[in-house]
Amino acid sequence: MSVTRRHLLAAGAGAAVTAGVHQGASAADLPPLGTYDVVVIGSGAAGMTAALTAAKQGLSTVVLEKAPTFGGSAARSGAGIWIPNNPVLLAAGVPDTPAKAAAYLAAVVGPDVPAARQRAFLTHGPAMISFVLANSPLRFRWMEGYSDYYPELPGGLPNGRSIEPDQFDGKLLGAELAHLNPPYLDVPAGLVVFSADYKWLALSAVSLKGAAVAAECLARGTKAALLGQTPLTMGQSLAAGLRKGLLDANVPVRLNTPLTELYVENGTVAGAVTPGGLYRARRGVIVGSGGFEHNAAMRAQYQRQPIGTEWTVGAKENTGDGIRAGQRLGADVALMDDAWWGPAIPLPGEPYFCLAERTLPGGLVVNAAGRRFVNEAAPYSDVVHTMYDRNPTDPDIPAWLIVDQNYRNRYLFRDIAPTFVLPADWYGSGAARKAWTFDALATSIGVPAAALRTTVDRFNSLALKGDDTDFGRGDSAYDHYYTDPSVLPNSCLAPLWLPPYYAFRLVPGDLGTKGGLVTDARARVLRPDGSVVPGLYAAGNASAAVMGHSYAGAGSTIGPAMTFGYVAGRDIAGVL
């Protein structure tokens, strides 16, 4: 009996339910709230794509959303979308092929995910993008230069396969715009910023291209203001564009409507129970309700310590409701130990998911012993996997990002401009430390001073040579995305020499969990014996990720979420 199965049984999830709902309620006990062909749980990228697909196949569809807003974690995100061979990439001249994509995904994912699911993602992903382009006002842009995360593997592309939403006018949503889930980070007022711009905005004080990109962002914002638009980009654009598609397709989105149970009739999932009553589904229910990143009990049960709900940037409503409802019907789960990890700084109020800051030259990461332990520029999920793997014997949680004043004079840090003073509450909360010597900095963060000095001296010698023989920082094309091209011979590496020095606390953050209901190539939910739970589908972070324990490129969360939402909608309609 597997660990997953033990967890399932311990939670009472293996109980057979053949009629009514779990705990014995019948339809007669539940106020009827409508009958539809398809009921979709969750209004993130997976749920809205699924609903749009079903509706465009002529199926009556409703979306049930727990939050008072729509968009979920997708609306909060940078909205990168990783889908090989999609029409946006091919139109931009990206030299992708199905053979390259299949070789690369297989090399990245390995045996953790069945080949049939990998093929389904690669086959249906491009068609999904074409469908969204044809059935919503969304448009997309290639994120040129944002490398696949392992471009040296067979089929990897150093120039990248990721796309992102183009600018969208929020006024097209009318009054519904007020219900859009806010972004994780606000775009500066007056600017229109794409995800691909942040690489250059971080360099705007030291790079002519960075300054030009900043000017372009301002020009876009000025133009939108003159046209009377409400410009949206990134996750805001993605969620708003999908919502507009649903509005045009007359698909209702019921906010403040959490799933409490899946309704089963004659052995088939036939609806969703909410606090207000029952939404019946003639053809099926699609669970797109997100992961369990804000469920402390589930994180403690399935994931490694230390872990907490305060380090995630996922939508706060993501507490595993859909996953647990599926488990109670006997559904299998997988990858529950994993998440879309990334080092995060636990700032007051909300953690900050570190991308460029740990990669830019002039910084290094040390553990509790004052030693480097990882390539700081590696894919963010790999950095956290390393933190957890090493922590029991060589504590790396928390770790510390160390930078000098030269770094602070040159680069944007989160949204703090170069040379600007960091907020006092960063220091007060313990998220940041500052000192005029490395010895004093070591004392303030509780690491051995001699070890930190030795580590910095070693790092500086490697940086001056431009060759990190200790951890290979800069060996991969991916390492150079969030770096400074003016720094030679290695844009990832520069010595720390100018006091004062800064330390930023790093913990295992995440964009959401990646474990969930096990599904097949048709997005149907499966039991541990491989049989199908009739009428039940899942996509997005409510399902076990097609990426397995890895991460192919920017948008490996949203790309598959939308794709398997599309697959589910078409399978229910009988047109897959």
Protein backbone atom coordinates (compact mmCIF):
# COMPACT_ATOMS: atom_id res chain seq x y z
CA MET A 1 0.00 0.00 0.00
CA SER A 2 1.51 3.33 -1.05
CA VAL A 3 1.93 6.39 1.15
CA THR A 4 -0.61 8.16 -1.00
CA ARG A 5 -3.14 5.41 -0.43
CA ARG A 6 -2.50 5.40 3.33
CA HIS A 7 -3.12 9.13 3.45
CA LEU A 8 -6.29 8.71 1.48
CA LEU A 9 -7.65 6.00 3.74
CA ALA A 10 -6.57 7.78 6.92
CA ALA A 11 -8.64 10.75 5.84
CA GLY A 12 -11.63 8.54 5.25
CA ALA A 13 -11.41 9.33 1.56
CA GLY A 14 -11.80 5.76 0.45
CA ALA A 15 -15.42 5.52 1.53
CA ALA A 16 -17.66 4.41 -1.31
CA VAL A 17 -20.37 6.85 -2.30
CA THR A 18 -22.96 5.52 -4.71
CA ALA A 19 -25.83 7.95 -4.30
CA GLY A 20 -26.46 11.31 -2.76
CA VAL A 21 -23.50 13.19 -1.34
CA HIS A 22 -20.86 12.24 1.17
CA GLN A 23 -22.33 12.27 4.68
CA GLY A 24 -25.63 11.00 3.35
CA ALA A 25 -27.53 14.05 2.13
CA SER A 26 -29.89 13.53 -0.79
CA ALA A 27 -30.92 15.90 -3.55
CA ALA A 28 -34.24 16.44 -1.79
CA ASP A 29 -32.36 17.94 1.17
CA LEU A 30 -30.53 20.50 -0.99
CA PRO A 31 -32.06 23.65 -2.46
CA PRO A 32 -31.79 23.37 -6.27
CA LEU A 33 -29.67 26.18 -7.75
CA GLY A 34 -29.77 25.14 -11.37
CA THR A 35 -29.03 22.30 -13.75
CA TYR A 36 -26.28 22.63 -16.35
CA ASP A 37 -24.47 20.31 -18.68
CA VAL A 38 -21.15 21.20 -17.05
CA VAL A 39 -20.30 22.60 -13.62
CA VAL A 40 -16.80 24.07 -13.29
CA ILE A 41 -15.20 24.60 -9.89
CA GLY A 42 -12.85 27.60 -9.84
CA SER A 43 -12.37 30.66 -12.03
CA GLY A 44 -8.60 30.56 -12.52
CA ALA A 45 -6.90 29.86 -15.85
CA ALA A 46 -7.87 26.16 -15.77
CA GLY A 47 -11.49 26.71 -14.81
CA MET A 48 -12.26 29.58 -17.16
CA THR A 49 -10.58 27.85 -20.12
CA ALA A 50 -12.56 24.69 -19.37
CA ALA A 51 -15.82 26.61 -19.11
CA LEU A 52 -15.18 28.54 -22.31
CA THR A 53 -14.40 25.31 -24.15
CA ALA A 54 -17.52 23.54 -22.93
CA ALA A 55 -19.72 26.52 -23.72
CA LYS A 56 -18.37 26.82 -27.25
CA GLN A 57 -19.27 23.17 -27.80
CA GLY A 58 -22.88 24.08 -27.08
CA LEU A 59 -22.97 22.87 -23.48
CA SER A 60 -24.70 24.93 -20.80
CA THR A 61 -22.01 25.77 -18.26
CA VAL A 62 -21.63 27.50 -14.91
CA VAL A 63 -18.48 28.45 -12.99
CA LEU A 64 -18.52 28.32 -9.18
CA GLU A 65 -15.89 30.46 -7.46
CA LYS A 66 -15.14 30.39 -3.74
CA ALA A 67 -13.62 33.88 -3.64
CA PRO A 68 -15.41 37.22 -3.95
CA THR A 69 -13.23 37.78 -7.03
CA PHE A 70 -12.47 35.83 -10.20
CA GLY A 71 -9.08 34.89 -11.58
CA GLY A 72 -7.53 32.95 -8.71
CA SER A 73 -3.75 32.65 -8.64
CA ALA A 74 -3.57 33.22 -12.40
CA ALA A 75 -4.79 36.80 -11.97
CA ARG A 76 -2.02 37.40 -9.41
CA SER A 77 0.73 35.97 -11.61
CA GLY A 78 3.10 37.09 -14.34
CA ALA A 79 1.05 34.79 -16.62
CA GLY A 80 3.85 33.14 -18.51
CA ILE A 81 2.43 30.27 -20.58
CA TRP A 82 4.69 27.38 -21.62
CA ILE A 83 3.23 25.50 -24.59
CA PRO A 84 5.58 24.25 -27.31
CA ASN A 85 4.72 24.71 -30.98
CA ASN A 86 1.85 27.06 -30.32
CA PRO A 87 0.77 29.40 -33.15
CA VAL A 88 2.14 32.51 -31.44
CA LEU A 89 5.62 30.99 -31.25
CA LEU A 90 5.57 29.68 -34.79
CA ALA A 91 4.39 33.04 -36.13
CA ALA A 92 7.34 34.66 -34.34
CA GLY A 93 9.74 32.31 -36.11
CA VAL A 94 10.68 30.20 -33.07
CA PRO A 95 12.40 27.05 -34.40
CA ASP A 96 10.27 24.58 -32.49
CA THR A 97 9.09 21.19 -33.70
CA PRO A 98 6.95 18.45 -32.15
CA ALA A 99 9.97 16.16 -32.02
CA LYS A 100 12.07 18.74 -30.16
CA ALA A 101 9.25 19.44 -27.70
CA ALA A 102 8.62 15.75 -26.99
CA ALA A 103 12.31 15.05 -26.44
CA TYR A 104 12.68 18.03 -24.13
CA LEU A 105 9.58 17.38 -22.03
CA ALA A 106 10.49 13.72 -21.61
CA ALA A 107 14.01 14.69 -20.52
CA VAL A 108 12.70 17.23 -18.01
CA VAL A 109 9.83 15.21 -16.56
CA GLY A 110 11.35 11.75 -16.66
CA PRO A 111 9.27 8.74 -15.58
CA ASP A 112 7.13 10.64 -13.04
CA VAL A 113 4.35 11.35 -15.55
CA PRO A 114 2.84 8.83 -18.01
CA ALA A 115 3.90 9.37 -21.62
CA ALA A 116 0.24 9.57 -22.66
CA ARG A 117 -0.31 12.65 -20.49
CA GLN A 118 2.83 14.28 -21.83
CA ARG A 119 1.64 13.62 -25.40
CA ALA A 120 -1.82 15.00 -24.58
CA PHE A 121 -0.31 18.23 -23.30
CA LEU A 122 1.94 18.66 -26.34
CA THR A 123 -0.84 17.71 -28.77
CA HIS A 124 -3.68 19.82 -27.37
CA GLY A 125 -1.72 22.83 -26.08
CA PRO A 126 -1.32 24.55 -29.47
CA ALA A 127 -4.97 23.88 -30.32
CA MET A 128 -5.98 25.42 -26.99
CA ILE A 129 -4.11 28.64 -27.79
CA SER A 130 -5.80 28.77 -31.21
CA PHE A 131 -9.17 28.20 -29.53
CA VAL A 132 -8.62 31.00 -26.98
CA LEU A 133 -7.51 33.38 -29.73
CA ALA A 134 -10.66 32.60 -31.70
CA ASN A 135 -13.11 32.75 -28.78
CA SER A 136 -11.87 35.60 -26.58
CA PRO A 137 -10.26 39.00 -27.05
CA LEU A 138 -6.98 37.67 -25.61
CA ARG A 139 -3.82 38.07 -27.66
CA PHE A 140 -0.34 36.83 -26.78
CA ARG A 141 3.33 37.82 -27.14
CA TRP A 142 6.45 35.68 -27.30
CA MET A 143 8.72 36.25 -24.28
CA GLU A 144 11.79 36.33 -26.48
CA GLY A 145 14.98 35.30 -24.74
CA TYR A 146 13.34 33.74 -21.68
CA SER A 147 15.14 30.44 -21.96
CA ASP A 148 13.66 27.05 -21.29
CA TYR A 149 14.84 26.17 -17.80
CA TYR A 150 17.12 23.36 -19.01
CA PRO A 151 18.10 24.48 -22.52
CA GLU A 152 21.07 22.13 -22.66
CA LEU A 153 18.79 19.07 -22.57
CA PRO A 154 17.71 17.48 -25.87
CA GLY A 155 15.14 19.72 -27.55
CA GLY A 156 15.70 22.66 -25.18
CA LEU A 157 15.51 26.17 -26.63
CA PRO A 158 17.89 28.82 -25.21
CA ASN A 159 15.65 31.57 -26.62
CA GLY A 160 12.59 30.08 -24.98
CA ARG A 161 9.08 28.83 -25.68
CA SER A 162 7.13 31.02 -23.22
CA ILE A 163 4.41 33.44 -24.23
CA GLU A 164 2.39 35.94 -22.20
CA PRO A 165 -0.87 37.87 -22.65
CA ASP A 166 -0.77 41.08 -24.64
CA GLN A 167 -2.24 44.32 -23.30
CA PHE A 168 -5.99 44.14 -22.60
CA ASP A 169 -8.39 47.02 -21.98
CA GLY A 170 -10.14 46.29 -18.69
CA LYS A 171 -13.02 48.54 -19.67
CA LEU A 172 -14.21 45.78 -21.99
CA LEU A 173 -15.36 43.97 -18.83
CA GLY A 174 -17.61 46.80 -17.70
CA ALA A 175 -18.79 46.42 -14.10
CA GLU A 176 -17.24 42.94 -13.92
CA LEU A 177 -13.75 44.50 -13.79
CA ALA A 178 -14.38 45.38 -10.14
CA HIS A 179 -14.44 41.64 -9.35
CA LEU A 180 -11.00 40.85 -10.81
CA ASN A 181 -8.59 39.38 -8.25
CA PRO A 182 -5.79 41.95 -7.71
CA PRO A 183 -2.21 41.26 -8.87
CA TYR A 184 0.49 39.93 -6.59
CA LEU A 185 2.55 43.09 -7.33
CA ASP A 186 1.07 46.32 -8.61
CA VAL A 187 2.49 47.77 -11.81
CA PRO A 188 3.82 51.30 -11.16
CA ALA A 189 1.18 53.94 -11.90
CA GLY A 190 1.26 55.25 -15.44
CA LEU A 191 3.22 52.31 -16.86
CA VAL A 192 2.16 49.35 -18.95
CA VAL A 193 4.58 46.54 -18.09
CA PHE A 194 4.84 43.03 -19.51
CA SER A 195 6.53 40.14 -17.72
CA ALA A 196 9.33 40.22 -20.26
CA ASP A 197 10.01 43.88 -19.38
CA TYR A 198 11.01 43.21 -15.76
CA LYS A 199 14.37 41.78 -16.81
CA TRP A 200 15.24 45.16 -18.29
CA LEU A 201 13.50 47.37 -15.76
CA ALA A 202 15.79 45.90 -13.09
CA LEU A 203 18.70 47.26 -15.16
CA SER A 204 17.22 50.62 -16.13
CA ALA A 205 19.80 52.57 -14.08
CA VAL A 206 22.81 50.89 -15.73
CA SER A 207 21.64 49.78 -19.18
CA LEU A 208 20.65 51.79 -22.26
CA LYS A 209 18.24 49.03 -23.23
CA GLY A 210 16.84 49.02 -19.69
CA ALA A 211 16.23 52.75 -19.91
CA ALA A 212 14.64 52.32 -23.34
CA VAL A 213 12.30 49.61 -22.05
CA ALA A 214 11.30 51.83 -19.12
CA ALA A 215 10.53 54.63 -21.60
CA GLU A 216 8.49 52.22 -23.71
CA CYS A 217 6.47 51.15 -20.66
CA LEU A 218 5.73 54.81 -19.95
CA ALA A 219 4.78 55.45 -23.57
CA ARG A 220 2.32 52.55 -23.51
CA GLY A 221 0.79 53.89 -20.32
CA THR A 222 0.49 57.39 -21.75
CA LYS A 223 -1.14 56.12 -24.92
CA ALA A 224 -3.65 54.03 -22.95
CA ALA A 225 -4.53 57.04 -20.79
CA LEU A 226 -5.09 59.22 -23.86
CA LEU A 227 -7.38 56.56 -25.30
CA GLY A 228 -9.32 56.33 -22.05
CA GLN A 229 -8.37 52.69 -21.52
CA THR A 230 -7.71 50.67 -18.38
CA PRO A 231 -4.62 48.77 -19.51
CA LEU A 232 -4.04 45.30 -18.06
CA THR A 233 -1.09 42.99 -18.59
CA MET A 234 0.25 39.71 -17.21
CA GLY A 235 -2.18 37.76 -15.01
CA GLN A 236 -4.65 40.63 -14.96
CA SER A 237 -4.88 40.51 -18.75
CA LEU A 238 -5.17 36.72 -18.84
CA ALA A 239 -7.97 36.54 -16.27
CA ALA A 240 -9.84 39.52 -17.69
CA GLY A 241 -9.59 38.24 -21.26
CA LEU A 242 -10.91 34.81 -20.32
CA ARG A 243 -13.69 36.38 -18.27
CA LYS A 244 -14.69 38.50 -21.26
CA GLY A 245 -14.86 35.33 -23.33
CA LEU A 246 -17.21 33.83 -20.76
CA LEU A 247 -19.36 36.96 -20.71
CA ASP A 248 -19.71 36.83 -24.49
CA ALA A 249 -20.56 33.12 -24.27
CA ASN A 250 -23.20 33.80 -21.58
CA VAL A 251 -21.44 31.65 -18.99
CA PRO A 252 -22.31 32.75 -15.44
CA VAL A 253 -19.56 32.95 -12.81
CA ARG A 254 -21.00 32.60 -9.31
CA LEU A 255 -18.67 34.35 -6.84
CA ASN A 256 -18.68 33.61 -3.09
CA THR A 257 -19.78 30.07 -3.93
CA PRO A 258 -17.39 27.51 -2.43
CA LEU A 259 -17.54 23.80 -3.12
CA THR A 260 -18.44 21.84 0.00
CA GLU A 261 -18.98 18.43 -1.61
CA LEU A 262 -19.27 16.67 -4.93
CA TYR A 263 -22.73 15.30 -5.60
CA VAL A 264 -22.90 11.69 -6.78
CA GLU A 265 -25.90 9.97 -8.33
CA ASN A 266 -25.93 6.34 -9.47
CA GLY A 267 -22.16 6.15 -9.12
CA THR A 268 -21.47 9.21 -11.27
CA VAL A 269 -20.45 12.70 -10.19
CA ALA A 270 -23.50 14.73 -11.10
CA GLY A 271 -23.11 18.10 -9.47
CA ALA A 272 -21.56 20.32 -6.83
CA VAL A 273 -22.87 21.06 -3.37
CA THR A 274 -22.36 24.60 -2.08
CA PRO A 275 -23.49 26.29 1.15
CA GLY A 276 -26.52 27.59 -0.73
CA GLY A 277 -27.55 24.35 -2.35
CA LEU A 278 -26.96 22.01 -5.29
CA TYR A 279 -25.77 22.78 -8.82
CA ARG A 280 -26.57 19.73 -10.92
CA ALA A 281 -24.38 18.63 -13.84
CA ARG A 282 -25.82 16.48 -16.61
CA ARG A 283 -22.48 15.73 -18.27
CA GLY A 284 -19.72 16.27 -15.70
CA VAL A 285 -17.91 18.40 -13.14
CA ILE A 286 -14.49 19.93 -13.82
CA VAL A 287 -12.41 20.74 -10.74
CA GLY A 288 -10.13 23.72 -11.30
CA SER A 289 -10.10 24.96 -7.72
CA GLY A 290 -6.34 25.33 -7.25
CA GLY A 291 -3.96 23.70 -4.82
CA PHE A 292 -3.73 23.48 -1.04
CA GLU A 293 -1.03 26.04 -0.32
CA HIS A 294 -3.16 27.81 2.29
CA ASN A 295 -4.19 24.64 4.12
CA ALA A 296 -1.75 24.24 7.01
CA ALA A 297 -2.97 20.76 7.95
CA MET A 298 -2.53 19.40 4.41
CA ARG A 299 0.91 20.97 4.08
CA ALA A 300 1.94 19.42 7.39
CA GLN A 301 0.56 16.05 6.31
CA TYR A 302 2.15 15.83 2.89
CA GLN A 303 5.14 18.18 2.73
CA ARG A 304 8.56 18.54 4.31
CA GLN A 305 9.27 20.79 7.26
CA PRO A 306 9.69 23.63 7.80
CA ILE A 307 6.61 24.60 5.83
CA GLY A 308 3.86 27.13 6.30
CA THR A 309 1.02 28.93 4.61
CA GLU A 310 2.64 32.35 5.10
CA TRP A 311 5.38 31.82 2.48
CA THR A 312 3.15 31.20 -0.56
CA VAL A 313 1.94 33.81 -3.04
CA GLY A 314 -0.95 31.61 -4.23
CA ALA A 315 -4.52 32.89 -3.90
CA LYS A 316 -5.58 32.79 -0.26
CA GLU A 317 -8.71 30.77 -1.05
CA ASN A 318 -6.62 27.80 -2.23
CA THR A 319 -7.15 25.36 0.63
CA GLY A 320 -7.47 22.11 -1.28
CA ASP A 321 -11.27 21.98 -1.34
CA GLY A 322 -11.53 20.26 -4.72
CA ILE A 323 -8.72 17.83 -3.95
CA ARG A 324 -10.28 16.76 -0.66
CA ALA A 325 -13.73 16.40 -2.23
CA GLY A 326 -12.24 14.10 -4.86
CA GLN A 327 -10.39 12.08 -2.22
CA ARG A 328 -13.64 11.51 -0.36
CA LEU A 329 -14.93 9.81 -3.51
CA GLY A 330 -11.91 7.52 -3.64
CA ALA A 331 -9.80 9.51 -6.10
CA ASP A 332 -6.03 9.02 -6.12
CA VAL A 333 -3.57 11.85 -5.51
CA ALA A 334 0.08 12.31 -6.44
CA LEU A 335 2.96 14.81 -6.11
CA MET A 336 1.46 16.06 -2.85
CA ASP A 337 4.95 16.59 -1.42
CA ASP A 338 5.83 19.12 -4.10
CA ALA A 339 5.01 22.70 -5.08
CA TRP A 340 5.92 25.35 -7.65
CA TRP A 341 8.77 26.35 -5.37
CA GLY A 342 10.95 29.44 -5.36
CA PRO A 343 13.08 31.23 -2.76
CA ALA A 344 11.01 33.94 -1.10
CA ILE A 345 11.80 36.83 1.23
CA PRO A 346 9.19 36.86 4.04
CA LEU A 347 8.47 40.58 3.91
CA PRO A 348 5.87 42.10 6.26
CA GLY A 349 2.38 41.43 4.96
CA GLU A 350 3.30 39.14 2.07
CA PRO A 351 6.30 37.12 0.91
CA TYR A 352 8.30 38.25 -2.10
CA PHE A 353 9.10 35.55 -4.67
CA CYS A 354 12.73 36.16 -5.72
CA LEU A 355 13.65 35.99 -9.40
CA ALA A 356 16.17 38.55 -10.63
CA GLU A 357 17.41 39.52 -7.17
CA ARG A 358 19.24 36.25 -6.48
CA THR A 359 20.65 36.03 -10.02
CA LEU A 360 22.03 39.54 -10.64
CA PRO A 361 25.81 39.87 -10.31
CA GLY A 362 27.10 41.00 -6.95
CA GLY A 363 25.08 38.66 -4.76
CA LEU A 364 25.44 35.18 -3.32
CA VAL A 365 23.36 32.87 -1.10
CA VAL A 366 24.69 31.26 2.08
CA ASN A 367 23.31 28.80 4.60
CA ALA A 368 23.40 28.75 8.41
CA ALA A 369 27.08 27.75 8.25
CA GLY A 370 27.90 30.83 6.19
CA ARG A 371 28.66 28.75 3.10
CA ARG A 372 27.30 28.73 -0.45
CA PHE A 373 25.35 25.58 -1.24
CA VAL A 374 23.67 26.11 -4.62
CA ASN A 375 23.89 27.86 -7.98
CA GLU A 376 21.93 31.00 -7.10
CA ALA A 377 20.84 31.47 -10.74
CA ALA A 378 19.40 27.96 -11.13
CA PRO A 379 15.67 27.49 -11.82
CA TYR A 380 13.84 28.61 -8.70
CA SER A 381 12.21 25.24 -8.06
CA ASP A 382 15.63 23.56 -8.09
CA VAL A 383 16.97 26.02 -5.51
CA VAL A 384 14.22 25.13 -3.04
CA HIS A 385 14.51 21.41 -3.73
CA THR A 386 18.19 21.77 -2.81
CA MET A 387 17.28 23.70 0.35
CA TYR A 388 14.97 20.91 1.51
CA ASP A 389 17.29 18.08 0.47
CA ARG A 390 20.24 19.51 2.40
CA ASN A 391 18.46 21.08 5.36
CA PRO A 392 18.34 18.02 7.66
CA THR A 393 22.15 17.71 7.73
CA ASP A 394 23.43 21.17 6.68
CA PRO A 395 20.70 23.71 7.53
CA ASP A 396 19.73 25.87 4.57
CA ILE A 397 16.33 27.09 5.81
CA PRO A 398 16.43 29.98 6.16
CA ALA A 399 19.21 30.91 3.77
CA TRP A 400 20.53 34.44 3.24
CA LEU A 401 21.00 36.44 0.06
CA ILE A 402 24.09 38.63 0.59
CA VAL A 403 24.67 41.74 -1.57
CA ASP A 404 26.75 44.90 -1.34
CA GLN A 405 26.06 48.59 -1.87
CA ASN A 406 27.37 48.45 -5.43
CA TYR A 407 24.58 45.95 -6.18
CA ARG A 408 22.03 48.23 -4.49
CA ASN A 409 23.33 51.23 -6.48
CA ARG A 410 22.79 49.44 -9.77
CA TYR A 411 19.66 47.29 -9.62
CA LEU A 412 15.99 47.43 -8.79
CA PHE A 413 15.18 45.25 -5.76
CA ARG A 414 11.56 44.17 -5.75
CA ASP A 415 10.07 47.61 -6.39
CA ILE A 416 12.76 49.62 -4.59
CA ALA A 417 14.76 51.77 -7.02
CA PRO A 418 18.57 51.69 -6.99
CA THR A 419 20.16 53.74 -4.17
CA PHE A 420 16.80 54.15 -2.41
CA VAL A 421 16.59 53.22 1.27
CA LEU A 422 14.89 49.92 2.02
CA PRO A 423 11.67 50.13 4.09
CA ALA A 424 12.24 50.17 7.85
CA ASP A 425 9.76 47.35 8.42
CA TRP A 426 11.92 45.03 6.31
CA TYR A 427 14.57 45.37 8.99
CA GLY A 428 12.09 45.34 11.85
CA SER A 429 10.59 42.05 10.67
CA GLY A 430 13.96 40.35 10.32
CA ALA A 431 13.59 39.97 6.54
CA ALA A 432 16.60 42.21 5.92
CA ARG A 433 19.83 43.05 7.73
CA LYS A 434 22.50 45.69 7.05
CA ALA A 435 26.04 46.13 8.36
CA TRP A 436 29.30 47.89 7.45
CA THR A 437 31.44 44.77 7.72
CA PHE A 438 30.94 41.12 6.87
CA ASP A 439 31.73 40.19 10.46
CA ALA A 440 28.96 42.43 11.76
CA LEU A 441 26.57 41.17 9.09
CA ALA A 442 27.39 37.57 10.05
CA THR A 443 26.63 38.30 13.68
CA SER A 444 23.30 39.90 12.81
CA ILE A 445 22.12 36.85 10.82
CA GLY A 446 23.64 34.27 13.15
CA VAL A 447 26.26 32.67 10.92
CA PRO A 448 29.98 32.18 11.68
CA ALA A 449 31.86 35.34 10.75
CA ALA A 450 35.05 33.58 9.65
CA ALA A 451 33.06 31.25 7.40
CA LEU A 452 31.16 34.12 5.77
CA ARG A 453 34.41 36.02 5.12
CA THR A 454 35.98 32.91 3.60
CA THR A 455 32.90 32.32 1.44
CA VAL A 456 32.84 35.89 0.14
CA ASP A 457 36.58 35.84 -0.57
CA ARG A 458 36.20 32.61 -2.52
CA PHE A 459 33.16 33.91 -4.40
CA ASN A 460 34.95 37.15 -5.29
CA SER A 461 37.91 35.28 -6.73
CA LEU A 462 35.59 33.17 -8.90
CA ALA A 463 33.63 36.26 -9.97
CA LEU A 464 36.75 38.08 -11.12
CA LYS A 465 37.65 35.08 -13.29
CA GLY A 466 34.05 34.74 -14.50
CA ASP A 467 34.00 31.02 -13.80
CA ASP A 468 32.03 29.54 -10.90
CA THR A 469 33.86 26.23 -10.63
CA ASP A 470 32.07 25.56 -7.31
CA PHE A 471 28.41 25.61 -8.46
CA GLY A 472 28.41 26.38 -12.18
CA ARG A 473 26.61 29.72 -12.00
CA GLY A 474 26.51 30.95 -15.56
CA ASP A 475 27.09 27.60 -17.25
CA SER A 476 23.48 27.43 -18.53
CA ALA A 477 21.89 29.91 -20.90
CA TYR A 478 19.02 30.08 -18.43
CA ASP A 479 21.35 31.48 -15.75
CA HIS A 480 21.91 34.61 -17.84
CA TYR A 481 18.29 35.73 -18.26
CA TYR A 482 18.00 37.91 -15.14
CA THR A 483 21.55 39.26 -15.26
CA ASP A 484 23.53 42.31 -16.34
CA PRO A 485 25.03 41.99 -19.87
CA SER A 486 27.47 44.82 -19.12
CA VAL A 487 29.23 42.68 -16.51
CA LEU A 488 32.08 40.67 -18.04
CA PRO A 489 33.31 38.02 -18.45
CA ASN A 490 30.26 36.38 -16.81
CA SER A 491 27.05 38.41 -16.55
CA CYS A 492 26.00 36.32 -13.52
CA LEU A 493 29.07 37.11 -11.40
CA ALA A 494 30.54 40.21 -9.78
CA PRO A 495 32.52 40.58 -6.54
CA LEU A 496 31.10 42.13 -3.37
CA TRP A 497 33.37 44.99 -2.33
CA LEU A 498 31.45 48.16 -1.41
CA PRO A 499 29.99 48.51 2.10
CA PRO A 500 27.47 48.56 3.61
CA TYR A 501 26.44 44.96 3.05
CA TYR A 502 22.91 43.56 3.10
CA ALA A 503 21.40 40.18 3.92
CA PHE A 504 17.90 39.09 2.93
CA ARG A 505 16.25 36.08 4.56
CA LEU A 506 15.23 33.34 2.11
CA VAL A 507 12.62 30.67 2.82
CA PRO A 508 10.90 28.03 0.65
CA GLY A 509 8.21 30.07 -1.06
CA ASP A 510 5.90 28.88 -3.80
CA LEU A 511 3.46 29.95 -6.49
CA GLY A 512 1.11 27.17 -5.37
CA THR A 513 1.21 23.45 -4.70
CA LYS A 514 1.57 21.03 -7.61
CA GLY A 515 0.12 17.85 -6.13
CA GLY A 516 -3.50 16.90 -6.58
CA LEU A 517 -5.99 14.52 -8.13
CA VAL A 518 -4.49 11.99 -10.51
CA THR A 519 -5.88 12.37 -14.03
CA ASP A 520 -5.43 10.61 -17.35
CA ALA A 521 -4.70 12.02 -20.80
CA ARG A 522 -8.37 13.06 -21.09
CA ALA A 523 -8.25 14.95 -17.74
CA ARG A 524 -10.54 12.37 -16.12
CA VAL A 525 -9.93 11.77 -12.41
CA LEU A 526 -8.64 8.31 -11.54
CA ARG A 527 -8.79 6.01 -8.53
CA PRO A 528 -5.65 4.28 -7.17
CA ASP A 529 -6.45 1.19 -9.28
CA GLY A 530 -6.49 3.30 -12.45
CA SER A 531 -10.25 3.23 -12.92
CA VAL A 532 -12.11 6.45 -13.77
CA VAL A 533 -14.28 8.33 -11.29
CA PRO A 534 -17.27 8.78 -13.63
CA GLY A 535 -18.24 12.36 -14.35
CA LEU A 536 -15.23 13.94 -12.62
CA TYR A 537 -12.43 15.90 -14.32
CA ALA A 538 -9.59 18.05 -12.96
CA ALA A 539 -7.10 20.58 -14.30
CA GLY A 540 -4.61 23.10 -12.95
CA ASN A 541 -3.20 22.84 -9.44
CA ALA A 542 -6.14 20.73 -8.26
CA SER A 543 -4.58 17.95 -10.35
CA ALA A 544 -1.16 16.31 -10.16
CA ALA A 545 1.09 18.34 -12.47
CA VAL A 546 2.09 17.03 -15.89
CA MET A 547 5.52 18.53 -15.11
CA GLY A 548 6.07 15.97 -12.36
CA HIS A 549 8.73 17.13 -9.92
CA SER A 550 10.31 19.49 -12.46
CA TYR A 551 9.64 22.72 -14.33
CA ALA A 552 10.19 22.98 -18.08
CA GLY A 553 10.04 26.75 -18.49
CA ALA A 554 8.27 29.95 -17.52
CA GLY A 555 4.55 29.21 -17.58
CA SER A 556 4.74 25.49 -16.80
CA THR A 557 1.88 26.01 -14.34
CA ILE A 558 -0.55 28.01 -16.46
CA GLY A 559 0.18 26.37 -19.83
CA PRO A 560 -0.84 22.86 -18.71
CA ALA A 561 -3.67 24.25 -16.56
CA MET A 562 -5.31 25.87 -19.57
CA THR A 563 -4.54 22.91 -21.82
CA PHE A 564 -6.12 20.28 -19.57
CA GLY A 565 -9.07 22.57 -18.88
CA TYR A 566 -9.54 22.65 -22.66
CA VAL A 567 -9.11 18.87 -22.85
CA ALA A 568 -11.70 18.33 -20.13
CA GLY A 569 -14.24 20.58 -21.83
CA ARG A 570 -13.81 18.81 -25.16
CA ASP A 571 -13.93 15.34 -23.64
CA ILE A 572 -17.20 16.08 -21.86
CA ALA A 573 -18.57 17.37 -25.15
CA GLY A 574 -17.44 14.19 -26.91
CA VAL A 575 -15.20 15.99 -29.41
CA LEU A 576 -11.73 15.25 -28.07
